[in-house]
PDB file of N, CA and C in Angstrom:
ATOM      1  N   MET A   1      34.882  87.534-106.366  1.00  0.00           N
ATOM      2  CA  MET A   1      35.580  86.938-107.475  1.00  0.00           C
ATOM      3  C   MET A   1      35.616  85.420-107.275  1.00  0.00           C
ATOM      4  N   GLN A   2      35.409  84.681-108.325  1.00  0.00           N
ATOM      5  CA  GLN A   2      35.419  83.229-108.243  1.00  0.00           C
ATOM      6  C   GLN A   2      36.840  82.684-108.357  1.00  0.00           C
ATOM      7  N   VAL A   3      37.046  81.481-107.846  1.00  0.00           N
ATOM      8  CA  VAL A   3      38.364  80.854-107.816  1.00  0.00           C
ATOM      9  C   VAL A   3      38.963  80.762-109.212  1.00  0.00           C
ATOM     10  N   LYS A   4      38.193  80.414-110.198  1.00  0.00           N
ATOM     11  CA  LYS A   4      38.684  80.310-111.577  1.00  0.00           C
ATOM     12  C   LYS A   4      39.211  81.656-112.069  1.00  0.00           C
ATOM     13  N   GLN A   5      38.524  82.737-111.738  1.00  0.00           N
ATOM     14  CA  GLN A   5      38.973  84.076-112.132  1.00  0.00           C
ATOM     15  C   GLN A   5      40.295  84.425-111.449  1.00  0.00           C
ATOM     16  N   VAL A   6      40.408  84.090-110.174  1.00  0.00           N
ATOM     17  CA  VAL A   6      41.645  84.341-109.431  1.00  0.00           C
ATOM     18  C   VAL A   6      42.799  83.580-110.074  1.00  0.00           C
ATOM     19  N   LEU A   7      42.580  82.313-110.355  1.00  0.00           N
ATOM     20  CA  LEU A   7      43.618  81.488-110.971  1.00  0.00           C
ATOM     21  C   LEU A   7      44.034  82.045-112.329  1.00  0.00           C
ATOM     22  N   ASP A   8      43.070  82.433-113.148  1.00  0.00           N
ATOM     23  CA  ASP A   8      43.389  82.991-114.468  1.00  0.00           C
ATOM     24  C   ASP A   8      44.252  84.251-114.348  1.00  0.00           C
ATOM     25  N   LEU A   9      43.919  85.129-113.403  1.00  0.00           N
ATOM     26  CA  LEU A   9      44.716  86.342-113.201  1.00  0.00           C
ATOM     27  C   LEU A   9      46.147  85.996-112.804  1.00  0.00           C
ATOM     28  N   LEU A  10      46.288  85.081-111.837  1.00  0.00           N
ATOM     29  CA  LEU A  10      47.618  84.714-111.366  1.00  0.00           C
ATOM     30  C   LEU A  10      48.433  84.008-112.443  1.00  0.00           C
ATOM     31  N   LEU A  11      47.788  83.159-113.232  1.00  0.00           N
ATOM     32  CA  LEU A  11      48.495  82.483-114.322  1.00  0.00           C
ATOM     33  C   LEU A  11      48.972  83.472-115.384  1.00  0.00           C
ATOM     34  N   ASP A  12      48.291  84.620-115.484  1.00  0.00           N
ATOM     35  CA  ASP A  12      48.699  85.690-116.402  1.00  0.00           C
ATOM     36  C   ASP A  12      49.658  86.673-115.731  1.00  0.00           C
ATOM     37  N   ASN A  13      50.201  86.289-114.551  1.00  0.00           N
ATOM     38  CA  ASN A  13      51.132  87.120-113.768  1.00  0.00           C
ATOM     39  C   ASN A  13      50.529  88.444-113.324  1.00  0.00           C
ATOM     40  N   GLU A  14      49.225  88.466-113.132  1.00  0.00           N
ATOM     41  CA  GLU A  14      48.555  89.644-112.597  1.00  0.00           C
ATOM     42  C   GLU A  14      48.556  89.536-111.073  1.00  0.00           C
ATOM     43  N   SER A  15      48.436  90.642-110.395  1.00  0.00           N
ATOM     44  CA  SER A  15      48.393  90.630-108.935  1.00  0.00           C
ATOM     45  C   SER A  15      46.947  90.623-108.455  1.00  0.00           C
ATOM     46  N   ILE A  16      46.757  90.115-107.237  1.00  0.00           N
ATOM     47  CA  ILE A  16      45.446  90.103-106.586  1.00  0.00           C
ATOM     48  C   ILE A  16      45.633  90.589-105.157  1.00  0.00           C
ATOM     49  N   ALA A  17      44.550  90.880-104.468  1.00  0.00           N
ATOM     50  CA  ALA A  17      44.616  91.279-103.061  1.00  0.00           C
ATOM     51  C   ALA A  17      44.223  90.090-102.193  1.00  0.00           C
ATOM     52  N   ILE A  18      45.092  89.778-101.216  1.00  0.00           N
ATOM     53  CA  ILE A  18      44.824  88.708-100.260  1.00  0.00           C
ATOM     54  C   ILE A  18      45.063  89.258 -98.867  1.00  0.00           C
ATOM     55  N   GLN A  19      44.058  89.185 -98.035  1.00  0.00           N
ATOM     56  CA  GLN A  19      44.145  89.658 -96.658  1.00  0.00           C
ATOM     57  C   GLN A  19      44.693  91.085 -96.588  1.00  0.00           C
ATOM     58  N   GLY A  20      44.224  91.936 -97.501  1.00  0.00           N
ATOM     59  CA  GLY A  20      44.616  93.338 -97.510  1.00  0.00           C
ATOM     60  C   GLY A  20      46.000  93.611 -98.069  1.00  0.00           C
ATOM     61  N   LYS A  21      46.680  92.582 -98.614  1.00  0.00           N
ATOM     62  CA  LYS A  21      48.011  92.754 -99.186  1.00  0.00           C
ATOM     63  C   LYS A  21      47.979  92.402-100.670  1.00  0.00           C
ATOM     64  N   THR A  22      48.823  93.062-101.434  1.00  0.00           N
ATOM     65  CA  THR A  22      48.939  92.742-102.848  1.00  0.00           C
ATOM     66  C   THR A  22      49.775  91.481-103.002  1.00  0.00           C
ATOM     67  N   PHE A  23      49.239  90.525-103.722  1.00  0.00           N
ATOM     68  CA  PHE A  23      49.944  89.270-103.977  1.00  0.00           C
ATOM     69  C   PHE A  23      50.343  89.242-105.438  1.00  0.00           C
ATOM     70  N   GLU A  24      51.657  89.340-105.689  1.00  0.00           N
ATOM     71  CA  GLU A  24      52.203  89.228-107.038  1.00  0.00           C
ATOM     72  C   GLU A  24      53.012  87.942-107.089  1.00  0.00           C
ATOM     73  N   PRO A  25      52.595  86.978-107.891  1.00  0.00           N
ATOM     74  CA  PRO A  25      53.308  85.699-107.912  1.00  0.00           C
ATOM     75  C   PRO A  25      54.708  85.828-108.508  1.00  0.00           C
ATOM     76  N   ILE A  26      55.693  85.224-107.811  1.00  0.00           N
ATOM     77  CA  ILE A  26      57.054  85.188-108.361  1.00  0.00           C
ATOM     78  C   ILE A  26      57.440  83.761-108.739  1.00  0.00           C
ATOM     79  N   SER A  27      56.710  82.793-108.201  1.00  0.00           N
ATOM     80  CA  SER A  27      56.949  81.403-108.595  1.00  0.00           C
ATOM     81  C   SER A  27      55.637  80.646-108.563  1.00  0.00           C
ATOM     82  N   MET A  28      55.533  79.658-109.429  1.00  0.00           N
ATOM     83  CA  MET A  28      54.316  78.870-109.502  1.00  0.00           C
ATOM     84  C   MET A  28      54.673  77.436-109.851  1.00  0.00           C
ATOM     85  N   GLU A  29      54.003  76.520-109.182  1.00  0.00           N
ATOM     86  CA  GLU A  29      54.135  75.100-109.490  1.00  0.00           C
ATOM     87  C   GLU A  29      52.747  74.544-109.787  1.00  0.00           C
ATOM     88  N   GLU A  30      52.648  73.796-110.851  1.00  0.00           N
ATOM     89  CA  GLU A  30      51.396  73.124-111.197  1.00  0.00           C
ATOM     90  C   GLU A  30      51.579  71.646-110.867  1.00  0.00           C
ATOM     91  N   ILE A  31      50.695  71.111-110.067  1.00  0.00           N
ATOM     92  CA  ILE A  31      50.777  69.700-109.675  1.00  0.00           C
ATOM     93  C   ILE A  31      49.646  68.952-110.364  1.00  0.00           C
ATOM     94  N   LEU A  32      50.008  67.877-111.044  1.00  0.00           N
ATOM     95  CA  LEU A  32      49.023  67.015-111.680  1.00  0.00           C
ATOM     96  C   LEU A  32      48.956  65.740-110.859  1.00  0.00           C
ATOM     97  N   TRP A  33      47.854  65.534-110.158  1.00  0.00           N
ATOM     98  CA  TRP A  33      47.685  64.355-109.321  1.00  0.00           C
ATOM     99  C   TRP A  33      47.377  63.139-110.174  1.00  0.00           C
ATOM    100  N   LYS A  34      47.647  61.994-109.630  1.00  0.00           N
ATOM    101  CA  LYS A  34      47.392  60.728-110.319  1.00  0.00           C
ATOM    102  C   LYS A  34      45.922  60.606-110.708  1.00  0.00           C
ATOM    103  N   THR A  35      45.059  61.257-109.963  1.00  0.00           N
ATOM    104  CA  THR A  35      43.619  61.234-110.233  1.00  0.00           C
ATOM    105  C   THR A  35      43.234  62.097-111.429  1.00  0.00           C
ATOM    106  N   GLY A  36      44.196  62.898-111.943  1.00  0.00           N
ATOM    107  CA  GLY A  36      43.908  63.803-113.049  1.00  0.00           C
ATOM    108  C   GLY A  36      43.595  65.214-112.584  1.00  0.00           C
ATOM    109  N   GLU A  37      43.438  65.400-111.302  1.00  0.00           N
ATOM    110  CA  GLU A  37      43.147  66.718-110.741  1.00  0.00           C
ATOM    111  C   GLU A  37      44.406  67.580-110.760  1.00  0.00           C
ATOM    112  N   ARG A  38      44.246  68.884-110.992  1.00  0.00           N
ATOM    113  CA  ARG A  38      45.370  69.828-110.991  1.00  0.00           C
ATOM    114  C   ARG A  38      45.257  70.749-109.781  1.00  0.00           C
ATOM    115  N   MET A  39      46.414  71.111-109.257  1.00  0.00           N
ATOM    116  CA  MET A  39      46.484  72.044-108.140  1.00  0.00           C
ATOM    117  C   MET A  39      47.653  72.983-108.423  1.00  0.00           C
ATOM    118  N   TYR A  40      47.574  74.191-107.935  1.00  0.00           N
ATOM    119  CA  TYR A  40      48.610  75.192-108.175  1.00  0.00           C
ATOM    120  C   TYR A  40      49.115  75.737-106.843  1.00  0.00           C
ATOM    121  N   TRP A  41      50.442  75.889-106.734  1.00  0.00           N
ATOM    122  CA  TRP A  41      51.090  76.500-105.582  1.00  0.00           C
ATOM    123  C   TRP A  41      51.823  77.733-106.083  1.00  0.00           C
ATOM    124  N   MET A  42      51.568  78.870-105.437  1.00  0.00           N
ATOM    125  CA  MET A  42      52.191  80.119-105.852  1.00  0.00           C
ATOM    126  C   MET A  42      52.770  80.833-104.641  1.00  0.00           C
ATOM    127  N   ARG A  43      53.858  81.549-104.885  1.00  0.00           N
ATOM    128  CA  ARG A  43      54.545  82.280-103.814  1.00  0.00           C
ATOM    129  C   ARG A  43      54.779  83.713-104.272  1.00  0.00           C
ATOM    130  N   ASN A  44      54.736  84.648-103.318  1.00  0.00           N
ATOM    131  CA  ASN A  44      55.080  86.026-103.654  1.00  0.00           C
ATOM    132  C   ASN A  44      56.455  86.354-103.083  1.00  0.00           C
ATOM    133  N   SER A  45      56.905  87.585-103.230  1.00  0.00           N
ATOM    134  CA  SER A  45      58.255  87.957-102.796  1.00  0.00           C
ATOM    135  C   SER A  45      58.344  88.167-101.290  1.00  0.00           C
ATOM    136  N   GLU A  46      57.221  88.146-100.609  1.00  0.00           N
ATOM    137  CA  GLU A  46      57.229  88.333 -99.160  1.00  0.00           C
ATOM    138  C   GLU A  46      57.123  86.977 -98.479  1.00  0.00           C
ATOM    139  N   ASP A  47      56.118  86.799 -97.657  1.00  0.00           N
ATOM    140  CA  ASP A  47      56.020  85.555 -96.889  1.00  0.00           C
ATOM    141  C   ASP A  47      54.738  84.781 -97.159  1.00  0.00           C
ATOM    142  N   LEU A  48      54.063  85.069 -98.263  1.00  0.00           N
ATOM    143  CA  LEU A  48      52.790  84.410 -98.550  1.00  0.00           C
ATOM    144  C   LEU A  48      52.919  83.326 -99.613  1.00  0.00           C
ATOM    145  N   TRP A  49      52.227  82.248 -99.390  1.00  0.00           N
ATOM    146  CA  TRP A  49      52.054  81.164-100.355  1.00  0.00           C
ATOM    147  C   TRP A  49      50.565  80.954-100.492  1.00  0.00           C
ATOM    148  N   ILE A  50      50.108  80.586-101.679  1.00  0.00           N
ATOM    149  CA  ILE A  50      48.714  80.173-101.814  1.00  0.00           C
ATOM    150  C   ILE A  50      48.666  78.858-102.577  1.00  0.00           C
ATOM    151  N   SER A  51      47.694  78.080-102.203  1.00  0.00           N
ATOM    152  CA  SER A  51      47.415  76.817-102.874  1.00  0.00           C
ATOM    153  C   SER A  51      46.020  76.954-103.461  1.00  0.00           C
ATOM    154  N   ILE A  52      45.888  76.660-104.751  1.00  0.00           N
ATOM    155  CA  ILE A  52      44.594  76.789-105.431  1.00  0.00           C
ATOM    156  C   ILE A  52      44.231  75.460-106.069  1.00  0.00           C
ATOM    157  N   ASP A  53      43.054  74.977-105.711  1.00  0.00           N
ATOM    158  CA  ASP A  53      42.498  73.768-106.321  1.00  0.00           C
ATOM    159  C   ASP A  53      41.247  74.207-107.074  1.00  0.00           C
ATOM    160  N   PRO A  54      41.350  74.426-108.394  1.00  0.00           N
ATOM    161  CA  PRO A  54      40.204  74.963-109.134  1.00  0.00           C
ATOM    162  C   PRO A  54      39.007  74.019-109.172  1.00  0.00           C
ATOM    163  N   GLU A  55      39.234  72.722-109.102  1.00  0.00           N
ATOM    164  CA  GLU A  55      38.122  71.778-109.173  1.00  0.00           C
ATOM    165  C   GLU A  55      37.252  71.838-107.913  1.00  0.00           C
ATOM    166  N   SER A  56      37.886  71.870-106.755  1.00  0.00           N
ATOM    167  CA  SER A  56      37.116  71.933-105.510  1.00  0.00           C
ATOM    168  C   SER A  56      36.872  73.375-105.071  1.00  0.00           C
ATOM    169  N   GLU A  57      37.428  74.331-105.827  1.00  0.00           N
ATOM    170  CA  GLU A  57      37.326  75.760-105.528  1.00  0.00           C
ATOM    171  C   GLU A  57      37.881  76.077-104.148  1.00  0.00           C
ATOM    172  N   GLU A  58      39.011  75.442-103.825  1.00  0.00           N
ATOM    173  CA  GLU A  58      39.657  75.646-102.536  1.00  0.00           C
ATOM    174  C   GLU A  58      40.890  76.516-102.715  1.00  0.00           C
ATOM    175  N   VAL A  59      40.986  77.543-101.880  1.00  0.00           N
ATOM    176  CA  VAL A  59      42.155  78.414-101.851  1.00  0.00           C
ATOM    177  C   VAL A  59      42.640  78.448-100.405  1.00  0.00           C
ATOM    178  N   ILE A  60      43.926  78.139-100.206  1.00  0.00           N
ATOM    179  CA  ILE A  60      44.507  78.161 -98.867  1.00  0.00           C
ATOM    180  C   ILE A  60      45.677  79.124 -98.885  1.00  0.00           C
ATOM    181  N   VAL A  61      45.745  79.986 -97.876  1.00  0.00           N
ATOM    182  CA  VAL A  61      46.826  80.962 -97.749  1.00  0.00           C
ATOM    183  C   VAL A  61      47.765  80.490 -96.645  1.00  0.00           C
ATOM    184  N   PHE A  62      49.065  80.509 -96.938  1.00  0.00           N
ATOM    185  CA  PHE A  62      50.096  80.118 -95.978  1.00  0.00           C
ATOM    186  C   PHE A  62      51.051  81.287 -95.769  1.00  0.00           C
ATOM    187  N   HIS A  63      51.628  81.351 -94.583  1.00  0.00           N
ATOM    188  CA  HIS A  63      52.656  82.347 -94.263  1.00  0.00           C
ATOM    189  C   HIS A  63      53.929  81.618 -93.864  1.00  0.00           C
ATOM    190  N   ASP A  64      55.090  82.135 -94.283  1.00  0.00           N
ATOM    191  CA  ASP A  64      56.354  81.594 -93.806  1.00  0.00           C
ATOM    192  C   ASP A  64      56.460  81.845 -92.309  1.00  0.00           C
ATOM    193  N   LEU A  65      57.119  80.943 -91.612  1.00  0.00           N
ATOM    194  CA  LEU A  65      57.340  81.083 -90.173  1.00  0.00           C
ATOM    195  C   LEU A  65      58.808  81.376 -89.913  1.00  0.00           C
ATOM    196  N   ASP A  66      59.060  82.248 -88.952  1.00  0.00           N
ATOM    197  CA  ASP A  66      60.432  82.530 -88.552  1.00  0.00           C
ATOM    198  C   ASP A  66      60.866  81.620 -87.408  1.00  0.00           C
ATOM    199  N   GLU A  67      59.903  81.069 -86.691  1.00  0.00           N
ATOM    200  CA  GLU A  67      60.214  80.223 -85.556  1.00  0.00           C
ATOM    201  C   GLU A  67      60.261  78.760 -85.961  1.00  0.00           C
ATOM    202  N   GLU A  68      60.874  77.979 -85.114  1.00  0.00           N
ATOM    203  CA  GLU A  68      60.952  76.554 -85.354  1.00  0.00           C
ATOM    204  C   GLU A  68      59.653  75.882 -84.899  1.00  0.00           C
ATOM    205  N   VAL A  69      59.257  74.848 -85.600  1.00  0.00           N
ATOM    206  CA  VAL A  69      58.057  74.081 -85.261  1.00  0.00           C
ATOM    207  C   VAL A  69      58.507  72.736 -84.724  1.00  0.00           C
ATOM    208  N   ASP A  70      58.008  72.368 -83.546  1.00  0.00           N
ATOM    209  CA  ASP A  70      58.316  71.058 -82.984  1.00  0.00           C
ATOM    210  C   ASP A  70      57.405  70.030 -83.619  1.00  0.00           C
ATOM    211  N   ALA A  71      57.985  68.925 -84.049  1.00  0.00           N
ATOM    212  CA  ALA A  71      57.181  67.896 -84.716  1.00  0.00           C
ATOM    213  C   ALA A  71      57.410  66.543 -84.056  1.00  0.00           C
ATOM    214  N   ASP A  72      56.331  65.775 -83.967  1.00  0.00           N
ATOM    215  CA  ASP A  72      56.387  64.423 -83.432  1.00  0.00           C
ATOM    216  C   ASP A  72      55.375  63.588 -84.200  1.00  0.00           C
ATOM    217  N   ALA A  73      55.851  62.746 -85.110  1.00  0.00           N
ATOM    218  CA  ALA A  73      54.988  61.895 -85.956  1.00  0.00           C
ATOM    219  C   ALA A  73      54.029  62.779 -86.744  1.00  0.00           C
ATOM    220  N   ASP A  74      52.731  62.653 -86.518  1.00  0.00           N
ATOM    221  CA  ASP A  74      51.735  63.425 -87.259  1.00  0.00           C
ATOM    222  C   ASP A  74      51.269  64.668 -86.506  1.00  0.00           C
ATOM    223  N   LEU A  75      52.035  65.088 -85.485  1.00  0.00           N
ATOM    224  CA  LEU A  75      51.640  66.225 -84.656  1.00  0.00           C
ATOM    225  C   LEU A  75      52.706  67.311 -84.742  1.00  0.00           C
ATOM    226  N   ALA A  76      52.281  68.536 -84.961  1.00  0.00           N
ATOM    227  CA  ALA A  76      53.194  69.682 -84.950  1.00  0.00           C
ATOM    228  C   ALA A  76      52.726  70.648 -83.876  1.00  0.00           C
ATOM    229  N   VAL A  77      53.665  71.201 -83.130  1.00  0.00           N
ATOM    230  CA  VAL A  77      53.344  72.161 -82.079  1.00  0.00           C
ATOM    231  C   VAL A  77      53.923  73.504 -82.488  1.00  0.00           C
ATOM    232  N   TYR A  78      53.051  74.497 -82.567  1.00  0.00           N
ATOM    233  CA  TYR A  78      53.476  75.841 -82.939  1.00  0.00           C
ATOM    234  C   TYR A  78      52.724  76.843 -82.090  1.00  0.00           C
ATOM    235  N   ASN A  79      53.475  77.729 -81.462  1.00  0.00           N
ATOM    236  CA  ASN A  79      52.874  78.791 -80.665  1.00  0.00           C
ATOM    237  C   ASN A  79      51.973  78.238 -79.560  1.00  0.00           C
ATOM    238  N   GLY A  80      52.341  77.094 -79.018  1.00  0.00           N
ATOM    239  CA  GLY A  80      51.579  76.490 -77.934  1.00  0.00           C
ATOM    240  C   GLY A  80      50.348  75.723 -78.380  1.00  0.00           C
ATOM    241  N   ASN A  81      50.117  75.641 -79.681  1.00  0.00           N
ATOM    242  CA  ASN A  81      48.948  74.923 -80.200  1.00  0.00           C
ATOM    243  C   ASN A  81      49.401  73.654 -80.921  1.00  0.00           C
ATOM    244  N   ASP A  82      48.610  72.602 -80.767  1.00  0.00           N
ATOM    245  CA  ASP A  82      48.884  71.342 -81.450  1.00  0.00           C
ATOM    246  C   ASP A  82      48.145  71.305 -82.781  1.00  0.00           C
ATOM    247  N   TYR A  83      48.840  70.885 -83.829  1.00  0.00           N
ATOM    248  CA  TYR A  83      48.246  70.739 -85.147  1.00  0.00           C
ATOM    249  C   TYR A  83      48.489  69.316 -85.618  1.00  0.00           C
ATOM    250  N   GLU A  84      47.410  68.656 -85.962  1.00  0.00           N
ATOM    251  CA  GLU A  84      47.512  67.268 -86.406  1.00  0.00           C
ATOM    252  C   GLU A  84      47.098  67.210 -87.869  1.00  0.00           C
ATOM    253  N   GLY A  85      47.816  66.425 -88.632  1.00  0.00           N
ATOM    254  CA  GLY A  85      47.436  66.307 -90.022  1.00  0.00           C
ATOM    255  C   GLY A  85      48.248  65.241 -90.732  1.00  0.00           C
ATOM    256  N   SER A  86      47.680  64.758 -91.771  1.00  0.00           N
ATOM    257  CA  SER A  86      48.396  63.824 -92.633  1.00  0.00           C
ATOM    258  C   SER A  86      47.818  63.979 -94.038  1.00  0.00           C
ATOM    259  N   TYR A  87      48.634  63.631 -95.010  1.00  0.00           N
ATOM    260  CA  TYR A  87      48.188  63.746 -96.386  1.00  0.00           C
ATOM    261  C   TYR A  87      48.890  62.698 -97.202  1.00  0.00           C
ATOM    262  N   ALA A  88      48.179  62.092 -98.097  1.00  0.00           N
ATOM    263  CA  ALA A  88      48.778  61.115 -99.001  1.00  0.00           C
ATOM    264  C   ALA A  88      48.277  61.418-100.405  1.00  0.00           C
ATOM    265  N   GLY A  89      49.171  61.409-101.371  1.00  0.00           N
ATOM    266  CA  GLY A  89      48.788  61.654-102.749  1.00  0.00           C
ATOM    267  C   GLY A  89      49.960  61.383-103.670  1.00  0.00           C
ATOM    268  N   GLU A  90      49.665  61.140-104.923  1.00  0.00           N
ATOM    269  CA  GLU A  90      50.709  60.918-105.911  1.00  0.00           C
ATOM    270  C   GLU A  90      50.503  61.909-107.044  1.00  0.00           C
ATOM    271  N   GLY A  91      51.565  62.551-107.440  1.00  0.00           N
ATOM    272  CA  GLY A  91      51.458  63.521-108.528  1.00  0.00           C
ATOM    273  C   GLY A  91      52.826  63.884-109.038  1.00  0.00           C
ATOM    274  N   LYS A  92      52.832  64.784-110.016  1.00  0.00           N
ATOM    275  CA  LYS A  92      54.105  65.279-110.545  1.00  0.00           C
ATOM    276  C   LYS A  92      53.961  66.732-110.926  1.00  0.00           C
TER     277      LYS A  92
END
């Protein structure tokens, strides 16, 4: 299934399968970036979030964490692993 098809189903409140689990969206946010690009963030009733960027055809799956994450500037430590990242953007 293509990203556009997935997005259309979710926008119509249809469920999809992600990592062997049924994903039924209960909340959705549409972000319009200053560049004109749109991105969608959706959450289900469990612990899954997905981010969909239809233009770049990028889909990212996130899980809620029960543990605390140690953070220092642009570095986060979780489960003994270091994660580095930064992001800058303007949107509404």
